[in-house]
Structures are given as structure tokens and as C-alpha cells.
C-alpha atoms as a PDB file:
ATOM      1  CA  MET A   1      -4.699  32.190  -7.795  1.00  0.00           C
ATOM      2  CA  ILE A   2      -4.413  28.765  -6.207  1.00  0.00           C
ATOM      3  CA  THR A   3      -6.897  28.496  -3.346  1.00  0.00           C
ATOM      4  CA  VAL A   4      -5.728  26.523  -0.311  1.00  0.00           C
ATOM      5  CA  ALA A   5      -7.391  25.178   2.825  1.00  0.00           C
ATOM      6  CA  ILE A   6      -5.258  24.226   5.840  1.00  0.00           C
ATOM      7  CA  VAL A   7      -6.374  21.679   8.425  1.00  0.00           C
ATOM      8  CA  ASP A   8      -4.058  21.102  11.389  1.00  0.00           C
ATOM      9  CA  ASP A   9      -4.981  20.854  15.061  1.00  0.00           C
ATOM     10  CA  HIS A  10      -2.031  22.990  16.215  1.00  0.00           C
ATOM     11  CA  PRO A  11      -2.757  26.752  15.994  1.00  0.00           C
ATOM     12  CA  VAL A  12       0.934  27.654  15.879  1.00  0.00           C
ATOM     13  CA  VAL A  13       1.536  25.252  12.982  1.00  0.00           C
ATOM     14  CA  ARG A  14      -1.459  26.641  11.097  1.00  0.00           C
ATOM     15  CA  ALA A  15      -0.188  30.171  11.591  1.00  0.00           C
ATOM     16  CA  GLY A  16       3.227  29.181  10.251  1.00  0.00           C
ATOM     17  CA  LEU A  17       1.734  27.449   7.229  1.00  0.00           C
ATOM     18  CA  ARG A  18      -0.501  30.415   6.527  1.00  0.00           C
ATOM     19  CA  ALA A  19       2.464  32.798   6.701  1.00  0.00           C
ATOM     20  CA  VAL A  20       4.504  30.692   4.261  1.00  0.00           C
ATOM     21  CA  LEU A  21       1.677  30.468   1.738  1.00  0.00           C
ATOM     22  CA  ALA A  22       0.700  34.128   2.146  1.00  0.00           C
ATOM     23  CA  ALA A  23       4.216  35.070   1.061  1.00  0.00           C
ATOM     24  CA  ALA A  24       3.656  33.354  -2.292  1.00  0.00           C
ATOM     25  CA  HIS A  25       2.237  35.603  -5.002  1.00  0.00           C
ATOM     26  CA  ASP A  26       0.174  32.906  -6.711  1.00  0.00           C
ATOM     27  CA  MET A  27      -1.852  31.359  -3.886  1.00  0.00           C
ATOM     28  CA  THR A  28      -4.216  32.344  -1.114  1.00  0.00           C
ATOM     29  CA  VAL A  29      -5.470  30.577   2.008  1.00  0.00           C
ATOM     30  CA  VAL A  30      -9.271  30.581   1.902  1.00  0.00           C
ATOM     31  CA  ALA A  31     -10.058  28.396   4.929  1.00  0.00           C
ATOM     32  CA  GLU A  32      -8.551  26.870   8.065  1.00  0.00           C
ATOM     33  CA  GLY A  33      -9.634  24.101  10.390  1.00  0.00           C
ATOM     34  CA  ALA A  34      -8.439  22.034  13.323  1.00  0.00           C
ATOM     35  CA  ALA A  35     -10.236  18.695  12.872  1.00  0.00           C
ATOM     36  CA  ALA A  36     -11.379  16.164  10.303  1.00  0.00           C
ATOM     37  CA  ALA A  37     -14.940  17.484  10.533  1.00  0.00           C
ATOM     38  CA  ASP A  38     -13.604  20.902   9.562  1.00  0.00           C
ATOM     39  CA  ALA A  39     -11.823  19.421   6.544  1.00  0.00           C
ATOM     40  CA  LEU A  40     -14.978  17.740   5.260  1.00  0.00           C
ATOM     41  CA  ARG A  41     -17.062  20.870   5.807  1.00  0.00           C
ATOM     42  CA  LEU A  42     -14.585  23.371   4.416  1.00  0.00           C
ATOM     43  CA  VAL A  43     -14.001  21.382   1.254  1.00  0.00           C
ATOM     44  CA  ALA A  44     -17.742  21.315   0.616  1.00  0.00           C
ATOM     45  CA  GLU A  45     -18.220  25.012   1.397  1.00  0.00           C
ATOM     46  CA  ARG A  46     -15.075  26.635  -0.012  1.00  0.00           C
ATOM     47  CA  ARG A  47     -14.009  24.149  -2.721  1.00  0.00           C
ATOM     48  CA  PRO A  48     -10.275  24.871  -2.453  1.00  0.00           C
ATOM     49  CA  ASP A  49      -7.879  23.759  -5.168  1.00  0.00           C
ATOM     50  CA  VAL A  50      -5.553  22.195  -2.598  1.00  0.00           C
ATOM     51  CA  LEU A  51      -6.159  20.858   0.907  1.00  0.00           C
ATOM     52  CA  VAL A  52      -3.083  20.819   3.157  1.00  0.00           C
ATOM     53  CA  LEU A  53      -4.045  18.107   5.627  1.00  0.00           C
ATOM     54  CA  ASP A  54      -2.333  17.075   8.851  1.00  0.00           C
ATOM     55  CA  VAL A  55      -2.226  13.314   9.315  1.00  0.00           C
ATOM     56  CA  ASN A  56      -2.991  13.278  13.055  1.00  0.00           C
ATOM     57  CA  LEU A  57      -6.319  14.934  13.821  1.00  0.00           C
ATOM     58  CA  PRO A  58      -8.352  14.617  17.022  1.00  0.00           C
ATOM     59  CA  ASP A  59     -11.454  13.035  15.490  1.00  0.00           C
ATOM     60  CA  LEU A  60     -10.399  11.054  12.391  1.00  0.00           C
ATOM     61  CA  SER A  61      -7.050  10.174  10.841  1.00  0.00           C
ATOM     62  CA  GLY A  62      -5.832  11.960   7.753  1.00  0.00           C
ATOM     63  CA  VAL A  63      -6.060   8.652   5.909  1.00  0.00           C
ATOM     64  CA  GLU A  64      -9.775   8.349   6.669  1.00  0.00           C
ATOM     65  CA  VAL A  65     -10.420  11.986   5.728  1.00  0.00           C
ATOM     66  CA  THR A  66      -8.649  11.416   2.427  1.00  0.00           C
ATOM     67  CA  ARG A  67     -10.728   8.299   1.732  1.00  0.00           C
ATOM     68  CA  ARG A  68     -13.976  10.141   2.416  1.00  0.00           C
ATOM     69  CA  LEU A  69     -13.041  13.110   0.269  1.00  0.00           C
ATOM     70  CA  ALA A  70     -11.876  10.890  -2.594  1.00  0.00           C
ATOM     71  CA  GLY A  71     -15.442   9.791  -3.194  1.00  0.00           C
ATOM     72  CA  ARG A  72     -16.857  13.304  -3.419  1.00  0.00           C
ATOM     73  CA  PRO A  73     -17.297  15.527  -6.459  1.00  0.00           C
ATOM     74  CA  ALA A  74     -14.883  18.454  -6.882  1.00  0.00           C
ATOM     75  CA  THR A  75     -12.372  16.902  -4.498  1.00  0.00           C
ATOM     76  CA  PRO A  76      -9.310  19.119  -4.014  1.00  0.00           C
ATOM     77  CA  ALA A  77      -5.779  17.875  -4.461  1.00  0.00           C
ATOM     78  CA  ILE A  78      -4.850  16.565  -1.012  1.00  0.00           C
ATOM     79  CA  LEU A  79      -1.375  17.324   0.272  1.00  0.00           C
ATOM     80  CA  ALA A  80      -0.565  15.383   3.440  1.00  0.00           C
ATOM     81  CA  LEU A  81       1.587  17.230   5.950  1.00  0.00           C
ATOM     82  CA  THR A  82       3.089  15.301   8.831  1.00  0.00           C
ATOM     83  CA  ALA A  83       6.129  14.590  10.945  1.00  0.00           C
ATOM     84  CA  HIS A  84       5.672  10.861  10.351  1.00  0.00           C
ATOM     85  CA  GLY A  85       7.596   9.053   7.624  1.00  0.00           C
ATOM     86  CA  ASP A  86       6.644   5.476   8.457  1.00  0.00           C
ATOM     87  CA  ARG A  87       5.602   3.201   5.622  1.00  0.00           C
ATOM     88  CA  GLU A  88       2.115   2.467   6.937  1.00  0.00           C
ATOM     89  CA  THR A  89       1.210   6.149   7.066  1.00  0.00           C
ATOM     90  CA  ILE A  90       2.874   7.014   3.754  1.00  0.00           C
ATOM     91  CA  PHE A  91       1.279   4.299   1.681  1.00  0.00           C
ATOM     92  CA  GLY A  92      -2.035   4.512   3.513  1.00  0.00           C
ATOM     93  CA  LEU A  93      -2.371   8.168   2.512  1.00  0.00           C
ATOM     94  CA  LEU A  94      -1.128   7.731  -1.045  1.00  0.00           C
ATOM     95  CA  GLU A  95      -3.388   4.737  -1.635  1.00  0.00           C
ATOM     96  CA  ALA A  96      -6.334   6.632  -0.143  1.00  0.00           C
ATOM     97  CA  GLY A  97      -5.871   9.367  -2.748  1.00  0.00           C
ATOM     98  CA  ALA A  98      -3.409  11.969  -1.431  1.00  0.00           C
ATOM     99  CA  ILE A  99      -1.433  13.520  -4.286  1.00  0.00           C
ATOM    100  CA  GLY A 100       1.535  14.540  -2.172  1.00  0.00           C
ATOM    101  CA  TYR A 101       3.278  13.926   1.120  1.00  0.00           C
ATOM    102  CA  VAL A 102       5.355  16.645   2.787  1.00  0.00           C
ATOM    103  CA  LEU A 103       7.297  16.154   6.000  1.00  0.00           C
ATOM    104  CA  LYS A 104       7.093  18.989   8.511  1.00  0.00           C
ATOM    105  CA  ASP A 105      10.858  19.265   8.799  1.00  0.00           C
ATOM    106  CA  GLU A 106      11.138  20.345   5.141  1.00  0.00           C
ATOM    107  CA  ALA A 107      12.306  23.866   4.320  1.00  0.00           C
ATOM    108  CA  PRO A 108       9.322  26.287   4.426  1.00  0.00           C
ATOM    109  CA  GLU A 109       9.565  27.165   0.718  1.00  0.00           C
ATOM    110  CA  THR A 110       9.068  23.481  -0.080  1.00  0.00           C
ATOM    111  CA  LEU A 111       5.426  23.748   0.984  1.00  0.00           C
ATOM    112  CA  ALA A 112       4.664  26.409  -1.628  1.00  0.00           C
ATOM    113  CA  ASP A 113       6.346  24.303  -4.332  1.00  0.00           C
ATOM    114  CA  ALA A 114       4.360  21.266  -3.212  1.00  0.00           C
ATOM    115  CA  VAL A 115       1.071  23.218  -3.314  1.00  0.00           C
ATOM    116  CA  ARG A 116       1.841  24.418  -6.853  1.00  0.00           C
ATOM    117  CA  ALA A 117       2.606  20.873  -7.990  1.00  0.00           C
ATOM    118  CA  ALA A 118      -0.577  19.543  -6.373  1.00  0.00           C
ATOM    119  CA  ALA A 119      -2.663  22.261  -8.038  1.00  0.00           C
ATOM    120  CA  ARG A 120      -1.226  21.154 -11.403  1.00  0.00           C
ATOM    121  CA  GLY A 121      -2.215  17.571 -10.662  1.00  0.00           C
ATOM    122  CA  GLU A 122       1.386  16.469 -10.090  1.00  0.00           C
ATOM    123  CA  SER A 123       2.515  14.369  -7.164  1.00  0.00           C
ATOM    124  CA  TRP A 124       5.002  15.825  -4.693  1.00  0.00           C
ATOM    125  CA  LEU A 125       6.890  13.682  -2.230  1.00  0.00           C
ATOM    126  CA  SER A 126       9.477  14.730   0.309  1.00  0.00           C
ATOM    127  CA  PRO A 127      12.837  13.149  -0.596  1.00  0.00           C
ATOM    128  CA  ALA A 128      12.778  10.689   2.308  1.00  0.00           C
ATOM    129  CA  VAL A 129       9.263   9.618   1.303  1.00  0.00           C
ATOM    130  CA  ALA A 130      10.164   9.391  -2.390  1.00  0.00           C
ATOM    131  CA  ARG A 131      12.999   6.998  -1.564  1.00  0.00           C
ATOM    132  CA  GLN A 132      10.582   4.640   0.166  1.00  0.00           C
ATOM    133  CA  VAL A 133       8.160   4.787  -2.757  1.00  0.00           C
ATOM    134  CA  VAL A 134      10.987   4.108  -5.210  1.00  0.00           C
ATOM    135  CA  ARG A 135      12.242   1.159  -3.165  1.00  0.00           C
ATOM    136  CA  ARG A 136       8.776  -0.360  -3.023  1.00  0.00           C
ATOM    137  CA  ALA A 137       8.274   0.166  -6.739  1.00  0.00           C
ATOM    138  CA  LEU A 138      11.626  -1.432  -7.546  1.00  0.00           C
ATOM    139  CA  GLY A 139      11.044  -4.293  -5.157  1.00  0.00           C
ATOM    140  CA  GLN A 140       7.638  -5.122  -6.677  1.00  0.00           C
ATOM    141  CA  PRO A 141       7.564  -4.070 -10.346  1.00  0.00           C
ATOM    142  CA  MET A 142       4.030  -4.341 -11.718  1.00  0.00           C
ATOM    143  CA  ASP A 143       2.441  -4.137 -15.131  1.00  0.00           C
ATOM    144  CA  ALA A 144      -0.711  -2.154 -15.901  1.00  0.00           C
ATOM    145  CA  SER A 145      -2.952  -4.974 -14.687  1.00  0.00           C
ATOM    146  CA  GLY A 146      -1.196  -5.165 -11.320  1.00  0.00           C
ATOM    147  CA  ASP A 147       0.648  -8.428 -12.032  1.00  0.00           C
ATOM    148  CA  ARG A 148       4.343  -8.784 -11.357  1.00  0.00           C
ATOM    149  CA  LEU A 149       6.496  -8.222 -14.400  1.00  0.00           C
ATOM    150  CA  LYS A 150       8.773 -10.974 -15.585  1.00  0.00           C
ATOM    151  CA  ASP A 151      12.350  -9.918 -16.230  1.00  0.00           C
ATOM    152  CA  ALA A 152      11.818 -10.209 -19.984  1.00  0.00           C
ATOM    153  CA  ASP A 153       8.832  -7.828 -19.782  1.00  0.00           C
ATOM    154  CA  ARG A 154      10.607  -5.038 -17.911  1.00  0.00           C
ATOM    155  CA  PRO A 155      11.417  -1.913 -19.871  1.00  0.00           C
ATOM    156  CA  ALA A 156      14.791  -2.166 -21.582  1.00  0.00           C
ATOM    157  CA  ARG A 157      17.347   0.560 -21.101  1.00  0.00           C
ATOM    158  CA  SER A 158      17.446   2.982 -23.992  1.00  0.00           C
ATOM    159  CA  PRO A 159      20.870   3.652 -25.498  1.00  0.00           C
ATOM    160  CA  ALA A 160      20.418   7.427 -25.494  1.00  0.00           C
ATOM    161  CA  LEU A 161      18.532   9.956 -23.390  1.00  0.00           C
ATOM    162  CA  PRO A 162      16.637  12.926 -24.854  1.00  0.00           C
ATOM    163  CA  LEU A 163      18.187  15.186 -22.212  1.00  0.00           C
ATOM    164  CA  THR A 164      20.951  17.764 -22.187  1.00  0.00           C
ATOM    165  CA  PRO A 165      24.016  17.089 -19.997  1.00  0.00           C
ATOM    166  CA  ARG A 166      22.742  19.607 -17.438  1.00  0.00           C
ATOM    167  CA  GLU A 167      19.295  17.987 -17.377  1.00  0.00           C
ATOM    168  CA  ILE A 168      20.940  14.605 -16.756  1.00  0.00           C
ATOM    169  CA  GLU A 169      22.817  16.118 -13.806  1.00  0.00           C
ATOM    170  CA  VAL A 170      19.574  17.490 -12.393  1.00  0.00           C
ATOM    171  CA  LEU A 171      17.792  14.179 -12.956  1.00  0.00           C
ATOM    172  CA  CYS A 172      20.515  12.236 -11.133  1.00  0.00           C
ATOM    173  CA  LEU A 173      20.361  14.535  -8.115  1.00  0.00           C
ATOM    174  CA  LEU A 174      16.561  14.451  -8.134  1.00  0.00           C
ATOM    175  CA  ALA A 175      16.660  10.648  -8.141  1.00  0.00           C
ATOM    176  CA  GLN A 176      18.985  10.720  -5.130  1.00  0.00           C
ATOM    177  CA  GLY A 177      16.247  12.504  -3.171  1.00  0.00           C
ATOM    178  CA  LEU A 178      17.440  16.121  -3.356  1.00  0.00           C
ATOM    179  CA  ASP A 179      14.801  18.833  -3.573  1.00  0.00           C
ATOM    180  CA  ASN A 180      15.078  21.798  -5.956  1.00  0.00           C
ATOM    181  CA  THR A 181      16.821  24.015  -3.398  1.00  0.00           C
ATOM    182  CA  ALA A 182      19.455  21.384  -2.649  1.00  0.00           C
ATOM    183  CA  ILE A 183      20.011  20.706  -6.355  1.00  0.00           C
ATOM    184  CA  ALA A 184      20.448  24.437  -6.963  1.00  0.00           C
ATOM    185  CA  GLY A 185      23.080  24.611  -4.233  1.00  0.00           C
ATOM    186  CA  ARG A 186      24.921  21.549  -5.533  1.00  0.00           C
ATOM    187  CA  LEU A 187      25.045  22.830  -9.130  1.00  0.00           C
ATOM    188  CA  THR A 188      25.391  26.546  -8.290  1.00  0.00           C
ATOM    189  CA  LEU A 189      22.135  27.423 -10.030  1.00  0.00           C
ATOM    190  CA  THR A 190      19.072  29.411  -9.003  1.00  0.00           C
ATOM    191  CA  THR A 191      16.063  27.487  -7.736  1.00  0.00           C
ATOM    192  CA  ARG A 192      14.034  28.881 -10.647  1.00  0.00           C
ATOM    193  CA  THR A 193      16.552  27.483 -13.137  1.00  0.00           C
ATOM    194  CA  VAL A 194      16.342  24.074 -11.489  1.00  0.00           C
ATOM    195  CA  GLN A 195      12.535  24.235 -11.636  1.00  0.00           C
ATOM    196  CA  ASN A 196      12.783  24.932 -15.367  1.00  0.00           C
ATOM    197  CA  HIS A 197      15.142  21.985 -15.854  1.00  0.00           C
ATOM    198  CA  VAL A 198      12.780  19.702 -13.902  1.00  0.00           C
ATOM    199  CA  SER A 199       9.831  20.814 -16.052  1.00  0.00           C
ATOM    200  CA  ASN A 200      11.844  20.127 -19.202  1.00  0.00           C
ATOM    201  CA  ILE A 201      12.808  16.690 -17.896  1.00  0.00           C
ATOM    202  CA  TYR A 202       9.150  15.857 -17.202  1.00  0.00           C
ATOM    203  CA  GLY A 203       8.174  16.888 -20.725  1.00  0.00           C
ATOM    204  CA  LYS A 204      10.985  15.031 -22.487  1.00  0.00           C
ATOM    205  CA  LEU A 205      10.559  11.826 -20.486  1.00  0.00           C
ATOM    206  CA  GLY A 206       6.762  11.912 -20.465  1.00  0.00           C
ATOM    207  CA  VAL A 207       6.538  11.701 -16.675  1.00  0.00           C
ATOM    208  CA  ALA A 208       4.389  13.695 -14.274  1.00  0.00           C
ATOM    209  CA  SER A 209       6.181  13.507 -10.933  1.00  0.00           C
ATOM    210  CA  ARG A 210       9.554  13.398  -9.221  1.00  0.00           C
ATOM    211  CA  THR A 211       8.963   9.762  -8.318  1.00  0.00           C
ATOM    212  CA  GLU A 212       8.381   8.769 -11.942  1.00  0.00           C
ATOM    213  CA  ALA A 213      11.470  10.699 -13.020  1.00  0.00           C
ATOM    214  CA  ALA A 214      13.518   9.034 -10.267  1.00  0.00           C
ATOM    215  CA  LEU A 215      12.313   5.589 -11.319  1.00  0.00           C
ATOM    216  CA  PHE A 216      13.306   6.371 -14.910  1.00  0.00           C
ATOM    217  CA  ALA A 217      16.810   7.392 -13.808  1.00  0.00           C
ATOM    218  CA  ILE A 218      17.222   4.259 -11.707  1.00  0.00           C
ATOM    219  CA  ARG A 219      16.016   1.952 -14.470  1.00  0.00           C
ATOM    220  CA  GLN A 220      18.402   3.625 -16.889  1.00  0.00           C
ATOM    221  CA  GLY A 221      21.271   2.913 -14.520  1.00  0.00           C
ATOM    222  CA  LEU A 222      22.015   6.595 -13.879  1.00  0.00           C
ATOM    223  CA  VAL A 223      21.767   6.164 -10.117  1.00  0.00           C
ATOM    224  CA  ALA A 224      21.406   3.289  -7.685  1.00  0.00           C
ATOM    225  CA  VAL A 225      19.391   2.895  -4.498  1.00  0.00           C
ATOM    226  CA  SER A 226      19.598   0.400  -1.677  1.00  0.00           C
ATOM    227  CA  PRO A 227      17.367  -2.659  -2.059  1.00  0.00           C
ATOM    228  CA  PRO A 228      14.092  -2.629  -0.099  1.00  0.00           C
ATOM    229  CA  GLY A 229      14.697  -2.835   3.642  1.00  0.00           C
ATOM    230  CA  GLU A 230      18.296  -1.658   3.438  1.00  0.00           C
ATOM    231  CA  GLY A 231      19.986   1.684   3.801  1.00  0.00           C
ATOM    232  CA  PRO A 232      19.762   4.425   6.438  1.00  0.00           C
ATOM    233  CA  ASN A 233      16.195   5.399   5.570  1.00  0.00           C
ATOM    234  CA  ALA A 234      14.698   1.933   5.673  1.00  0.00           C
ATOM    235  CA  GLN A 235      11.907   1.579   8.176  1.00  0.00           C
END
């Protein structure tokens, strides 16, 4: 069982989150809190696998809580949950050590999928957040040392993909920001089948997250995104 702690200062939101996760057969909520102090204490006492953390707390920001937890032993995977999709909040949390970022207007079943991914050590980003991360990555390509890549050093497109035609379809939709439920509806598949395709894509491409898979698709020319600062989702 995946053990989860929830920290959100709104009792109604916590109750809703608890109900969604309780409906999943493979996870259990072991602790709840309403403030940053609760998050720090509960992580130390209960050692959950995943911490679902609201960004706006009454005592400290979610970014600061994430920074403090990142330096501790046995830190859980931190899944940020918020209504805010602004760049400062997104990148502040991800750079502080959050493994995922889920917007509160996502479908309820998305939270369970995000918790599972976080427990596996995989990043999970809401589609609108993933698009911003992809745009930033494409706008500032870096090498392993953090230096900007020259055009000649950027990965060349491979002539063939190790994917089936159906997996390529799934990858293209994933790179456009669709979640598994939306992809299933578009391709008339079950969500479980889409999850299996996504897992196969990760394995064949050697990536560990939707963002990495999306970047691969974009660099291969399978899909295109607006340049940084353009498009309807630009902040």
C-alpha cells in the first residue's frame, strides 16, 4: 500500500482528497494536517510515501516546506496541489524538490494517478503545467553541466522510432498536454490500456516522466508547441 499524508488548510478540500484516495485500492491516507508545521511533524512521525501538499498554507509557503523537507532523511515524494499555475510558483516548487504538480481543477481520478507516479519516483505534471515546463526547456536547452547547448550539440532526430503506431499516437497526444483519460477518450481506449501504452513508451524511450516523453516527441518533430511566451497558456 502507498501511504499518503495530506496537508491543506481547507477541511472540505482535505475531505474530498481523502475520499478520492480512499476509493483507490492501492493507497491509504495515514495523516492529515492544515499547516506547514503539521507537514513537517507528520512527515517525521508517520513517514508517508507521498505528501500531497497545498501551496498556500497559513504559516509557511509550500515552496518553503518543500525546501525544508528536501534536506531531511526519508523525505517523501512531494506532490504539490494548488489552484495556481503561474510560473513563479511552478518552478519554485519543482526546483525546491517537488516531484509533481497537480492543479485542483483536474479530474479527481488524476490525483490517484499522480500519487502512484510519485510513489514510483516519477514526475507528474498537470497538462497546463507540463506545457510551461516544455516551453522553458525548449527555450533554454542545457547540457548536463548546465551550459546552453550549441545547435551542433543538440540531439539529432533519429530516423526511426522504437514505438508501435498506436504508441506514437499516444505519445503525440501526451505531448499535446492530454492526460490519460483524455487520450483514452480521443482514441476510444480504456484508461488502463492508455496507462499500459504510456509505460511501454517510457521503457522504450528510456524516459521517466510525461515531460521527458513530451520533449522527446517535440524534438523528433512529432508535435509542435508555441515558442516561450506565446500561445493561450503563456503567463
